[in-house]
Amino acid sequence: MSIWSEQVEEELAVLLKDWLKHQGRTQADLRRSLKAVSTRMPALLEVLEREHRQGGMPFVAARLCAIEAEWAGTPGAASQNGNNADPFGQLDLLLQEIRDDCGSEA
């Protein structure tokens, strides 16, 4: 299992910001879904770090995929912008990349 580090946090923060922008969502939306104490990125990452401790990056990716599925079931800005692309495309690619990385570490 990969180790949670400052570099992982930085990369995940960039990913989350891009993902939220693509989804037409805000950090406040993510805070509600994660049940984090704050909308600030360190608080969001703290929740994801707990997921990581339970099962590594696959758990983090699975949690984000579940959130994206939750959002797909509710009207959001992304659908209002005419974005009808596969809502799981980016996270599915991330999950596959994580699985590939985990397999190469074994």
PDB file of N, CA and C in Angstrom:
ATOM      1  N   MET A   1       0.844  -1.168   0.000  1.00  0.00           N
ATOM      2  CA  MET A   1       0.000   0.000   0.000  1.00  0.00           C
ATOM      3  C   MET A   1       0.892   1.234   0.000  1.00  0.00           C
ATOM      4  N   SER A   2       0.486   2.234  -0.782  1.00  0.00           N
ATOM      5  CA  SER A   2       1.265   3.457  -0.851  1.00  0.00           C
ATOM      6  C   SER A   2       1.167   4.227   0.466  1.00  0.00           C
ATOM      7  N   ILE A   3       2.144   5.064   0.710  1.00  0.00           N
ATOM      8  CA  ILE A   3       2.218   5.825   1.952  1.00  0.00           C
ATOM      9  C   ILE A   3       1.646   7.217   1.726  1.00  0.00           C
ATOM     10  N   TRP A   4       0.856   7.692   2.681  1.00  0.00           N
ATOM     11  CA  TRP A   4       0.325   9.055   2.615  1.00  0.00           C
ATOM     12  C   TRP A   4       1.474  10.008   2.890  1.00  0.00           C
ATOM     13  N   SER A   5       1.680  10.951   2.013  1.00  0.00           N
ATOM     14  CA  SER A   5       2.791  11.887   2.180  1.00  0.00           C
ATOM     15  C   SER A   5       2.341  13.279   1.759  1.00  0.00           C
ATOM     16  N   GLU A   6       3.232  14.222   1.975  1.00  0.00           N
ATOM     17  CA  GLU A   6       2.950  15.599   1.569  1.00  0.00           C
ATOM     18  C   GLU A   6       2.763  15.676   0.055  1.00  0.00           C
ATOM     19  N   GLN A   7       3.545  14.912  -0.685  1.00  0.00           N
ATOM     20  CA  GLN A   7       3.427  14.905  -2.142  1.00  0.00           C
ATOM     21  C   GLN A   7       2.064  14.338  -2.566  1.00  0.00           C
ATOM     22  N   VAL A   8       1.626  13.282  -1.906  1.00  0.00           N
ATOM     23  CA  VAL A   8       0.314  12.696  -2.206  1.00  0.00           C
ATOM     24  C   VAL A   8      -0.765  13.740  -1.942  1.00  0.00           C
ATOM     25  N   GLU A   9      -0.661  14.451  -0.822  1.00  0.00           N
ATOM     26  CA  GLU A   9      -1.641  15.489  -0.490  1.00  0.00           C
ATOM     27  C   GLU A   9      -1.674  16.573  -1.547  1.00  0.00           C
ATOM     28  N   GLU A  10      -0.499  17.026  -1.977  1.00  0.00           N
ATOM     29  CA  GLU A  10      -0.427  18.083  -2.990  1.00  0.00           C
ATOM     30  C   GLU A  10      -1.060  17.628  -4.299  1.00  0.00           C
ATOM     31  N   GLU A  11      -0.735  16.410  -4.737  1.00  0.00           N
ATOM     32  CA  GLU A  11      -1.282  15.896  -5.984  1.00  0.00           C
ATOM     33  C   GLU A  11      -2.794  15.681  -5.881  1.00  0.00           C
ATOM     34  N   LEU A  12      -3.245  15.200  -4.743  1.00  0.00           N
ATOM     35  CA  LEU A  12      -4.666  14.979  -4.541  1.00  0.00           C
ATOM     36  C   LEU A  12      -5.424  16.304  -4.492  1.00  0.00           C
ATOM     37  N   ALA A  13      -4.819  17.322  -3.887  1.00  0.00           N
ATOM     38  CA  ALA A  13      -5.456  18.640  -3.834  1.00  0.00           C
ATOM     39  C   ALA A  13      -5.648  19.194  -5.242  1.00  0.00           C
ATOM     40  N   VAL A  14      -4.643  19.064  -6.087  1.00  0.00           N
ATOM     41  CA  VAL A  14      -4.749  19.527  -7.471  1.00  0.00           C
ATOM     42  C   VAL A  14      -5.835  18.738  -8.205  1.00  0.00           C
ATOM     43  N   LEU A  15      -5.825  17.423  -8.022  1.00  0.00           N
ATOM     44  CA  LEU A  15      -6.836  16.570  -8.643  1.00  0.00           C
ATOM     45  C   LEU A  15      -8.240  16.974  -8.201  1.00  0.00           C
ATOM     46  N   LEU A  16      -8.422  17.185  -6.898  1.00  0.00           N
ATOM     47  CA  LEU A  16      -9.729  17.551  -6.370  1.00  0.00           C
ATOM     48  C   LEU A  16     -10.210  18.881  -6.938  1.00  0.00           C
ATOM     49  N   LYS A  17      -9.318  19.850  -7.012  1.00  0.00           N
ATOM     50  CA  LYS A  17      -9.689  21.159  -7.558  1.00  0.00           C
ATOM     51  C   LYS A  17     -10.123  21.039  -9.014  1.00  0.00           C
ATOM     52  N   ASP A  18      -9.369  20.289  -9.813  1.00  0.00           N
ATOM     53  CA  ASP A  18      -9.732  20.081 -11.219  1.00  0.00           C
ATOM     54  C   ASP A  18     -11.048  19.322 -11.341  1.00  0.00           C
ATOM     55  N   TRP A  19     -11.212  18.296 -10.517  1.00  0.00           N
ATOM     56  CA  TRP A  19     -12.419  17.479 -10.540  1.00  0.00           C
ATOM     57  C   TRP A  19     -13.645  18.306 -10.169  1.00  0.00           C
ATOM     58  N   LEU A  20     -13.524  19.107  -9.102  1.00  0.00           N
ATOM     59  CA  LEU A  20     -14.639  19.955  -8.696  1.00  0.00           C
ATOM     60  C   LEU A  20     -15.001  20.948  -9.797  1.00  0.00           C
ATOM     61  N   LYS A  21     -13.996  21.529 -10.424  1.00  0.00           N
ATOM     62  CA  LYS A  21     -14.245  22.475 -11.511  1.00  0.00           C
ATOM     63  C   LYS A  21     -14.963  21.773 -12.661  1.00  0.00           C
ATOM     64  N   HIS A  22     -14.499  20.594 -13.020  1.00  0.00           N
ATOM     65  CA  HIS A  22     -15.105  19.817 -14.103  1.00  0.00           C
ATOM     66  C   HIS A  22     -16.553  19.442 -13.773  1.00  0.00           C
ATOM     67  N   GLN A  23     -16.813  19.137 -12.518  1.00  0.00           N
ATOM     68  CA  GLN A  23     -18.148  18.747 -12.075  1.00  0.00           C
ATOM     69  C   GLN A  23     -19.073  19.945 -11.851  1.00  0.00           C
ATOM     70  N   GLY A  24     -18.512  21.140 -11.859  1.00  0.00           N
ATOM     71  CA  GLY A  24     -19.309  22.319 -11.565  1.00  0.00           C
ATOM     72  C   GLY A  24     -19.700  22.372 -10.097  1.00  0.00           C
ATOM     73  N   ARG A  25     -18.846  21.830  -9.253  1.00  0.00           N
ATOM     74  CA  ARG A  25     -19.107  21.768  -7.817  1.00  0.00           C
ATOM     75  C   ARG A  25     -18.076  22.611  -7.078  1.00  0.00           C
ATOM     76  N   THR A  26     -18.327  22.791  -5.786  1.00  0.00           N
ATOM     77  CA  THR A  26     -17.433  23.591  -4.954  1.00  0.00           C
ATOM     78  C   THR A  26     -16.873  22.732  -3.825  1.00  0.00           C
ATOM     79  N   GLN A  27     -15.901  23.304  -3.120  1.00  0.00           N
ATOM     80  CA  GLN A  27     -15.358  22.605  -1.957  1.00  0.00           C
ATOM     81  C   GLN A  27     -16.438  22.451  -0.893  1.00  0.00           C
ATOM     82  N   ALA A  28     -17.406  23.346  -0.860  1.00  0.00           N
ATOM     83  CA  ALA A  28     -18.521  23.220   0.085  1.00  0.00           C
ATOM     84  C   ALA A  28     -19.352  21.979  -0.236  1.00  0.00           C
ATOM     85  N   ASP A  29     -19.550  21.705  -1.536  1.00  0.00           N
ATOM     86  CA  ASP A  29     -20.277  20.491  -1.930  1.00  0.00           C
ATOM     87  C   ASP A  29     -19.514  19.255  -1.468  1.00  0.00           C
ATOM     88  N   LEU A  30     -18.201  19.281  -1.680  1.00  0.00           N
ATOM     89  CA  LEU A  30     -17.377  18.144  -1.279  1.00  0.00           C
ATOM     90  C   LEU A  30     -17.369  17.993   0.239  1.00  0.00           C
ATOM     91  N   ARG A  31     -17.327  19.105   0.961  1.00  0.00           N
ATOM     92  CA  ARG A  31     -17.371  19.050   2.423  1.00  0.00           C
ATOM     93  C   ARG A  31     -18.634  18.353   2.907  1.00  0.00           C
ATOM     94  N   ARG A  32     -19.772  18.702   2.301  1.00  0.00           N
ATOM     95  CA  ARG A  32     -21.029  18.061   2.700  1.00  0.00           C
ATOM     96  C   ARG A  32     -20.984  16.564   2.427  1.00  0.00           C
ATOM     97  N   SER A  33     -20.483  16.177   1.275  1.00  0.00           N
ATOM     98  CA  SER A  33     -20.442  14.759   0.922  1.00  0.00           C
ATOM     99  C   SER A  33     -19.464  13.973   1.788  1.00  0.00           C
ATOM    100  N   LEU A  34     -18.348  14.592   2.131  1.00  0.00           N
ATOM    101  CA  LEU A  34     -17.344  13.930   2.969  1.00  0.00           C
ATOM    102  C   LEU A  34     -17.667  14.056   4.457  1.00  0.00           C
ATOM    103  N   LYS A  35     -18.606  14.950   4.780  1.00  0.00           N
ATOM    104  CA  LYS A  35     -18.934  15.256   6.178  1.00  0.00           C
ATOM    105  C   LYS A  35     -17.693  15.774   6.921  1.00  0.00           C
ATOM    106  N   ALA A  36     -16.940  16.619   6.215  1.00  0.00           N
ATOM    107  CA  ALA A  36     -15.740  17.226   6.795  1.00  0.00           C
ATOM    108  C   ALA A  36     -16.148  18.408   7.674  1.00  0.00           C
ATOM    109  N   VAL A  37     -15.243  18.825   8.545  1.00  0.00           N
ATOM    110  CA  VAL A  37     -15.534  19.910   9.478  1.00  0.00           C
ATOM    111  C   VAL A  37     -15.443  21.287   8.830  1.00  0.00           C
ATOM    112  N   SER A  38     -14.804  21.382   7.673  1.00  0.00           N
ATOM    113  CA  SER A  38     -14.584  22.668   7.029  1.00  0.00           C
ATOM    114  C   SER A  38     -14.520  22.479   5.516  1.00  0.00           C
ATOM    115  N   THR A  39     -14.683  23.579   4.797  1.00  0.00           N
ATOM    116  CA  THR A  39     -14.542  23.530   3.343  1.00  0.00           C
ATOM    117  C   THR A  39     -13.093  23.705   2.909  1.00  0.00           C
ATOM    118  N   ARG A  40     -12.226  24.002   3.840  1.00  0.00           N
ATOM    119  CA  ARG A  40     -10.816  24.219   3.488  1.00  0.00           C
ATOM    120  C   ARG A  40     -10.171  22.896   3.079  1.00  0.00           C
ATOM    121  N   MET A  41      -9.274  22.990   2.129  1.00  0.00           N
ATOM    122  CA  MET A  41      -8.652  21.791   1.563  1.00  0.00           C
ATOM    123  C   MET A  41      -7.991  20.911   2.626  1.00  0.00           C
ATOM    124  N   PRO A  42      -7.283  21.440   3.625  1.00  0.00           N
ATOM    125  CA  PRO A  42      -6.690  20.546   4.635  1.00  0.00           C
ATOM    126  C   PRO A  42      -7.735  19.687   5.352  1.00  0.00           C
ATOM    127  N   ALA A  43      -8.910  20.244   5.613  1.00  0.00           N
ATOM    128  CA  ALA A  43      -9.959  19.470   6.282  1.00  0.00           C
ATOM    129  C   ALA A  43     -10.510  18.383   5.361  1.00  0.00           C
ATOM    130  N   LEU A  44     -10.644  18.699   4.079  1.00  0.00           N
ATOM    131  CA  LEU A  44     -11.110  17.706   3.114  1.00  0.00           C
ATOM    132  C   LEU A  44     -10.091  16.577   2.979  1.00  0.00           C
ATOM    133  N   LEU A  45      -8.820  16.957   2.911  1.00  0.00           N
ATOM    134  CA  LEU A  45      -7.763  15.956   2.783  1.00  0.00           C
ATOM    135  C   LEU A  45      -7.653  15.092   4.042  1.00  0.00           C
ATOM    136  N   GLU A  46      -7.967  15.654   5.195  1.00  0.00           N
ATOM    137  CA  GLU A  46      -7.930  14.889   6.441  1.00  0.00           C
ATOM    138  C   GLU A  46      -8.917  13.715   6.379  1.00  0.00           C
ATOM    139  N   VAL A  47     -10.109  13.965   5.850  1.00  0.00           N
ATOM    140  CA  VAL A  47     -11.103  12.901   5.714  1.00  0.00           C
ATOM    141  C   VAL A  47     -10.593  11.836   4.744  1.00  0.00           C
ATOM    142  N   LEU A  48     -10.010  12.288   3.639  1.00  0.00           N
ATOM    143  CA  LEU A  48      -9.503  11.331   2.649  1.00  0.00           C
ATOM    144  C   LEU A  48      -8.292  10.568   3.179  1.00  0.00           C
ATOM    145  N   GLU A  49      -7.513  11.200   4.050  1.00  0.00           N
ATOM    146  CA  GLU A  49      -6.387  10.492   4.663  1.00  0.00           C
ATOM    147  C   GLU A  49      -6.890   9.348   5.545  1.00  0.00           C
ATOM    148  N   ARG A  50      -7.996   9.579   6.245  1.00  0.00           N
ATOM    149  CA  ARG A  50      -8.582   8.506   7.061  1.00  0.00           C
ATOM    150  C   ARG A  50      -9.019   7.341   6.165  1.00  0.00           C
ATOM    151  N   GLU A  51      -9.603   7.657   5.015  1.00  0.00           N
ATOM    152  CA  GLU A  51      -9.975   6.612   4.056  1.00  0.00           C
ATOM    153  C   GLU A  51      -8.730   5.845   3.618  1.00  0.00           C
ATOM    154  N   HIS A  52      -7.652   6.582   3.385  1.00  0.00           N
ATOM    155  CA  HIS A  52      -6.395   5.980   2.939  1.00  0.00           C
ATOM    156  C   HIS A  52      -5.854   5.022   3.996  1.00  0.00           C
ATOM    157  N   ARG A  53      -5.948   5.421   5.261  1.00  0.00           N
ATOM    158  CA  ARG A  53      -5.465   4.543   6.336  1.00  0.00           C
ATOM    159  C   ARG A  53      -6.247   3.238   6.386  1.00  0.00           C
ATOM    160  N   GLN A  54      -7.511   3.276   5.995  1.00  0.00           N
ATOM    161  CA  GLN A  54      -8.347   2.080   6.024  1.00  0.00           C
ATOM    162  C   GLN A  54      -8.053   1.129   4.874  1.00  0.00           C
ATOM    163  N   GLY A  55      -7.691   1.670   3.706  1.00  0.00           N
ATOM    164  CA  GLY A  55      -7.504   0.771   2.572  1.00  0.00           C
ATOM    165  C   GLY A  55      -6.684   1.323   1.432  1.00  0.00           C
ATOM    166  N   GLY A  56      -5.896   2.345   1.679  1.00  0.00           N
ATOM    167  CA  GLY A  56      -5.032   2.874   0.642  1.00  0.00           C
ATOM    168  C   GLY A  56      -5.774   3.728  -0.382  1.00  0.00           C
ATOM    169  N   MET A  57      -5.076   4.013  -1.477  1.00  0.00           N
ATOM    170  CA  MET A  57      -5.645   4.864  -2.511  1.00  0.00           C
ATOM    171  C   MET A  57      -6.893   4.258  -3.159  1.00  0.00           C
ATOM    172  N   PRO A  58      -7.005   2.937  -3.249  1.00  0.00           N
ATOM    173  CA  PRO A  58      -8.265   2.401  -3.802  1.00  0.00           C
ATOM    174  C   PRO A  58      -9.482   2.827  -2.974  1.00  0.00           C
ATOM    175  N   PHE A  59      -9.353   2.940  -1.654  1.00  0.00           N
ATOM    176  CA  PHE A  59     -10.464   3.388  -0.811  1.00  0.00           C
ATOM    177  C   PHE A  59     -10.758   4.864  -1.075  1.00  0.00           C
ATOM    178  N   VAL A  60      -9.708   5.667  -1.250  1.00  0.00           N
ATOM    179  CA  VAL A  60      -9.886   7.093  -1.547  1.00  0.00           C
ATOM    180  C   VAL A  60     -10.620   7.249  -2.872  1.00  0.00           C
ATOM    181  N   ALA A  61     -10.155   6.536  -3.894  1.00  0.00           N
ATOM    182  CA  ALA A  61     -10.786   6.627  -5.207  1.00  0.00           C
ATOM    183  C   ALA A  61     -12.226   6.128  -5.161  1.00  0.00           C
ATOM    184  N   ALA A  62     -12.470   5.046  -4.419  1.00  0.00           N
ATOM    185  CA  ALA A  62     -13.827   4.512  -4.301  1.00  0.00           C
ATOM    186  C   ALA A  62     -14.738   5.530  -3.615  1.00  0.00           C
ATOM    187  N   ARG A  63     -14.238   6.216  -2.609  1.00  0.00           N
ATOM    188  CA  ARG A  63     -15.048   7.225  -1.915  1.00  0.00           C
ATOM    189  C   ARG A  63     -15.392   8.370  -2.856  1.00  0.00           C
ATOM    190  N   LEU A  64     -14.408   8.806  -3.653  1.00  0.00           N
ATOM    191  CA  LEU A  64     -14.660   9.890  -4.593  1.00  0.00           C
ATOM    192  C   LEU A  64     -15.623   9.451  -5.694  1.00  0.00           C
ATOM    193  N   CYS A  65     -15.509   8.204  -6.131  1.00  0.00           N
ATOM    194  CA  CYS A  65     -16.448   7.674  -7.126  1.00  0.00           C
ATOM    195  C   CYS A  65     -17.863   7.639  -6.564  1.00  0.00           C
ATOM    196  N   ALA A  66     -17.998   7.264  -5.294  1.00  0.00           N
ATOM    197  CA  ALA A  66     -19.317   7.229  -4.658  1.00  0.00           C
ATOM    198  C   ALA A  66     -19.904   8.634  -4.567  1.00  0.00           C
ATOM    199  N   ILE A  67     -19.068   9.602  -4.277  1.00  0.00           N
ATOM    200  CA  ILE A  67     -19.530  10.990  -4.206  1.00  0.00           C
ATOM    201  C   ILE A  67     -19.977  11.455  -5.588  1.00  0.00           C
ATOM    202  N   GLU A  68     -19.188  11.112  -6.597  1.00  0.00           N
ATOM    203  CA  GLU A  68     -19.560  11.500  -7.960  1.00  0.00           C
ATOM    204  C   GLU A  68     -20.882  10.855  -8.369  1.00  0.00           C
ATOM    205  N   ALA A  69     -21.098   9.620  -7.966  1.00  0.00           N
ATOM    206  CA  ALA A  69     -22.366   8.938  -8.256  1.00  0.00           C
ATOM    207  C   ALA A  69     -23.510   9.641  -7.523  1.00  0.00           C
ATOM    208  N   GLU A  70     -23.259  10.027  -6.284  1.00  0.00           N
ATOM    209  CA  GLU A  70     -24.253  10.768  -5.506  1.00  0.00           C
ATOM    210  C   GLU A  70     -24.611  12.073  -6.216  1.00  0.00           C
ATOM    211  N   TRP A  71     -23.595  12.788  -6.681  1.00  0.00           N
ATOM    212  CA  TRP A  71     -23.831  14.049  -7.378  1.00  0.00           C
ATOM    213  C   TRP A  71     -24.566  13.837  -8.693  1.00  0.00           C
ATOM    214  N   ALA A  72     -24.280  12.746  -9.367  1.00  0.00           N
ATOM    215  CA  ALA A  72     -24.943  12.468 -10.641  1.00  0.00           C
ATOM    216  C   ALA A  72     -26.443  12.263 -10.441  1.00  0.00           C
ATOM    217  N   GLY A  73     -26.823  11.861  -9.231  1.00  0.00           N
ATOM    218  CA  GLY A  73     -28.234  11.644  -8.923  1.00  0.00           C
ATOM    219  C   GLY A  73     -28.958  12.910  -8.526  1.00  0.00           C
ATOM    220  N   THR A  74     -28.212  14.013  -8.358  1.00  0.00           N
ATOM    221  CA  THR A  74     -28.822  15.285  -7.997  1.00  0.00           C
ATOM    222  C   THR A  74     -28.458  16.323  -9.036  1.00  0.00           C
ATOM    223  N   PRO A  75     -29.370  17.251  -9.299  1.00  0.00           N
ATOM    224  CA  PRO A  75     -29.052  18.285 -10.290  1.00  0.00           C
ATOM    225  C   PRO A  75     -27.853  19.106  -9.837  1.00  0.00           C
ATOM    226  N   GLY A  76     -26.930  19.307 -10.759  1.00  0.00           N
ATOM    227  CA  GLY A  76     -25.735  20.083 -10.434  1.00  0.00           C
ATOM    228  C   GLY A  76     -25.375  21.009 -11.573  1.00  0.00           C
ATOM    229  N   ALA A  77     -24.411  21.839 -11.337  1.00  0.00           N
ATOM    230  CA  ALA A  77     -24.008  22.809 -12.349  1.00  0.00           C
ATOM    231  C   ALA A  77     -23.454  22.134 -13.585  1.00  0.00           C
ATOM    232  N   ALA A  78     -22.801  20.987 -13.440  1.00  0.00           N
ATOM    233  CA  ALA A  78     -22.203  20.327 -14.603  1.00  0.00           C
ATOM    234  C   ALA A  78     -23.270  19.961 -15.618  1.00  0.00           C
ATOM    235  N   SER A  79     -24.407  19.421 -15.163  1.00  0.00           N
ATOM    236  CA  SER A  79     -25.449  19.056 -16.107  1.00  0.00           C
ATOM    237  C   SER A  79     -26.099  20.296 -16.701  1.00  0.00           C
ATOM    238  N   GLN A  80     -26.119  21.383 -15.956  1.00  0.00           N
ATOM    239  CA  GLN A  80     -26.686  22.618 -16.474  1.00  0.00           C
ATOM    240  C   GLN A  80     -25.795  23.236 -17.540  1.00  0.00           C
ATOM    241  N   ASN A  81     -24.527  22.928 -17.504  1.00  0.00           N
ATOM    242  CA  ASN A  81     -23.599  23.453 -18.494  1.00  0.00           C
ATOM    243  C   ASN A  81     -23.605  22.625 -19.766  1.00  0.00           C
ATOM    244  N   GLY A  82     -24.468  21.643 -19.840  1.00  0.00           N
ATOM    245  CA  GLY A  82     -24.525  20.814 -21.038  1.00  0.00           C
ATOM    246  C   GLY A  82     -23.444  19.766 -21.089  1.00  0.00           C
ATOM    247  N   ASN A  83     -22.829  19.473 -19.966  1.00  0.00           N
ATOM    248  CA  ASN A  83     -21.757  18.488 -19.923  1.00  0.00           C
ATOM    249  C   ASN A  83     -22.374  17.103 -19.765  1.00  0.00           C
ATOM    250  N   ASN A  84     -22.545  16.391 -20.849  1.00  0.00           N
ATOM    251  CA  ASN A  84     -23.168  15.073 -20.806  1.00  0.00           C
ATOM    252  C   ASN A  84     -22.144  13.956 -20.934  1.00  0.00           C
ATOM    253  N   ALA A  85     -20.885  14.272 -20.701  1.00  0.00           N
ATOM    254  CA  ALA A  85     -19.832  13.258 -20.782  1.00  0.00           C
ATOM    255  C   ALA A  85     -20.023  12.235 -19.669  1.00  0.00           C
ATOM    256  N   ASP A  86     -19.375  11.097 -19.812  1.00  0.00           N
ATOM    257  CA  ASP A  86     -19.437  10.049 -18.800  1.00  0.00           C
ATOM    258  C   ASP A  86     -18.999  10.628 -17.459  1.00  0.00           C
ATOM    259  N   PRO A  87     -19.905  10.691 -16.459  1.00  0.00           N
ATOM    260  CA  PRO A  87     -19.548  11.332 -15.203  1.00  0.00           C
ATOM    261  C   PRO A  87     -18.485  10.588 -14.419  1.00  0.00           C
ATOM    262  N   PHE A  88     -18.255   9.315 -14.742  1.00  0.00           N
ATOM    263  CA  PHE A  88     -17.272   8.534 -13.993  1.00  0.00           C
ATOM    264  C   PHE A  88     -15.952   8.404 -14.741  1.00  0.00           C
ATOM    265  N   GLY A  89     -15.861   8.981 -15.920  1.00  0.00           N
ATOM    266  CA  GLY A  89     -14.686   8.813 -16.759  1.00  0.00           C
ATOM    267  C   GLY A  89     -13.378   9.128 -16.072  1.00  0.00           C
ATOM    268  N   GLN A  90     -13.266  10.318 -15.512  1.00  0.00           N
ATOM    269  CA  GLN A  90     -12.001  10.724 -14.903  1.00  0.00           C
ATOM    270  C   GLN A  90     -11.677   9.896 -13.675  1.00  0.00           C
ATOM    271  N   LEU A  91     -12.660   9.665 -12.813  1.00  0.00           N
ATOM    272  CA  LEU A  91     -12.372   8.900 -11.607  1.00  0.00           C
ATOM    273  C   LEU A  91     -12.122   7.431 -11.921  1.00  0.00           C
ATOM    274  N   ASP A  92     -12.797   6.896 -12.931  1.00  0.00           N
ATOM    275  CA  ASP A  92     -12.514   5.521 -13.329  1.00  0.00           C
ATOM    276  C   ASP A  92     -11.075   5.384 -13.812  1.00  0.00           C
ATOM    277  N   LEU A  93     -10.620   6.377 -14.571  1.00  0.00           N
ATOM    278  CA  LEU A  93      -9.229   6.361 -15.029  1.00  0.00           C
ATOM    279  C   LEU A  93      -8.271   6.458 -13.846  1.00  0.00           C
ATOM    280  N   LEU A  94      -8.604   7.312 -12.878  1.00  0.00           N
ATOM    281  CA  LEU A  94      -7.772   7.437 -11.682  1.00  0.00           C
ATOM    282  C   LEU A  94      -7.730   6.123 -10.915  1.00  0.00           C
ATOM    283  N   LEU A  95      -8.892   5.497 -10.734  1.00  0.00           N
ATOM    284  CA  LEU A  95      -8.955   4.235 -10.010  1.00  0.00           C
ATOM    285  C   LEU A  95      -8.125   3.170 -10.728  1.00  0.00           C
ATOM    286  N   GLN A  96      -8.203   3.119 -12.052  1.00  0.00           N
ATOM    287  CA  GLN A  96      -7.422   2.137 -12.802  1.00  0.00           C
ATOM    288  C   GLN A  96      -5.925   2.405 -12.661  1.00  0.00           C
ATOM    289  N   GLU A  97      -5.544   3.683 -12.700  1.00  0.00           N
ATOM    290  CA  GLU A  97      -4.137   4.040 -12.538  1.00  0.00           C
ATOM    291  C   GLU A  97      -3.635   3.634 -11.152  1.00  0.00           C
ATOM    292  N   ILE A  98      -4.465   3.837 -10.144  1.00  0.00           N
ATOM    293  CA  ILE A  98      -4.089   3.448  -8.778  1.00  0.00           C
ATOM    294  C   ILE A  98      -3.930   1.940  -8.692  1.00  0.00           C
ATOM    295  N   ARG A  99      -4.865   1.208  -9.280  1.00  0.00           N
ATOM    296  CA  ARG A  99      -4.765  -0.251  -9.264  1.00  0.00           C
ATOM    297  C   ARG A  99      -3.499  -0.716  -9.974  1.00  0.00           C
ATOM    298  N   ASP A 100      -3.192  -0.078 -11.108  1.00  0.00           N
ATOM    299  CA  ASP A 100      -1.973  -0.433 -11.832  1.00  0.00           C
ATOM    300  C   ASP A 100      -0.737  -0.160 -10.979  1.00  0.00           C
ATOM    301  N   ASP A 101      -0.723   1.003 -10.294  1.00  0.00           N
ATOM    302  CA  ASP A 101       0.415   1.355  -9.433  1.00  0.00           C
ATOM    303  C   ASP A 101       0.545   0.359  -8.282  1.00  0.00           C
ATOM    304  N   CYS A 102      -0.582   0.007  -7.680  1.00  0.00           N
ATOM    305  CA  CYS A 102      -0.546  -0.942  -6.559  1.00  0.00           C
ATOM    306  C   CYS A 102      -0.046  -2.309  -7.032  1.00  0.00           C
ATOM    307  N   GLY A 103      -0.426  -2.686  -8.222  1.00  0.00           N
ATOM    308  CA  GLY A 103       0.011  -3.975  -8.762  1.00  0.00           C
ATOM    309  C   GLY A 103       1.489  -3.984  -9.066  1.00  0.00           C
ATOM    310  N   SER A 104       2.031  -2.827  -9.463  1.00  0.00           N
ATOM    311  CA  SER A 104       3.449  -2.786  -9.797  1.00  0.00           C
ATOM    312  C   SER A 104       4.319  -2.703  -8.553  1.00  0.00           C
ATOM    313  N   GLU A 105       3.721  -2.339  -7.380  1.00  0.00           N
ATOM    314  CA  GLU A 105       4.477  -2.279  -6.138  1.00  0.00           C
ATOM    315  C   GLU A 105       4.628  -3.643  -5.501  1.00  0.00           C
ATOM    316  N   ALA A 106       3.757  -4.545  -5.881  1.00  0.00           N
ATOM    317  CA  ALA A 106       3.772  -5.873  -5.250  1.00  0.00           C
ATOM    318  C   ALA A 106       4.977  -6.690  -5.657  1.00  0.00           C
TER     319      ALA A 106
END
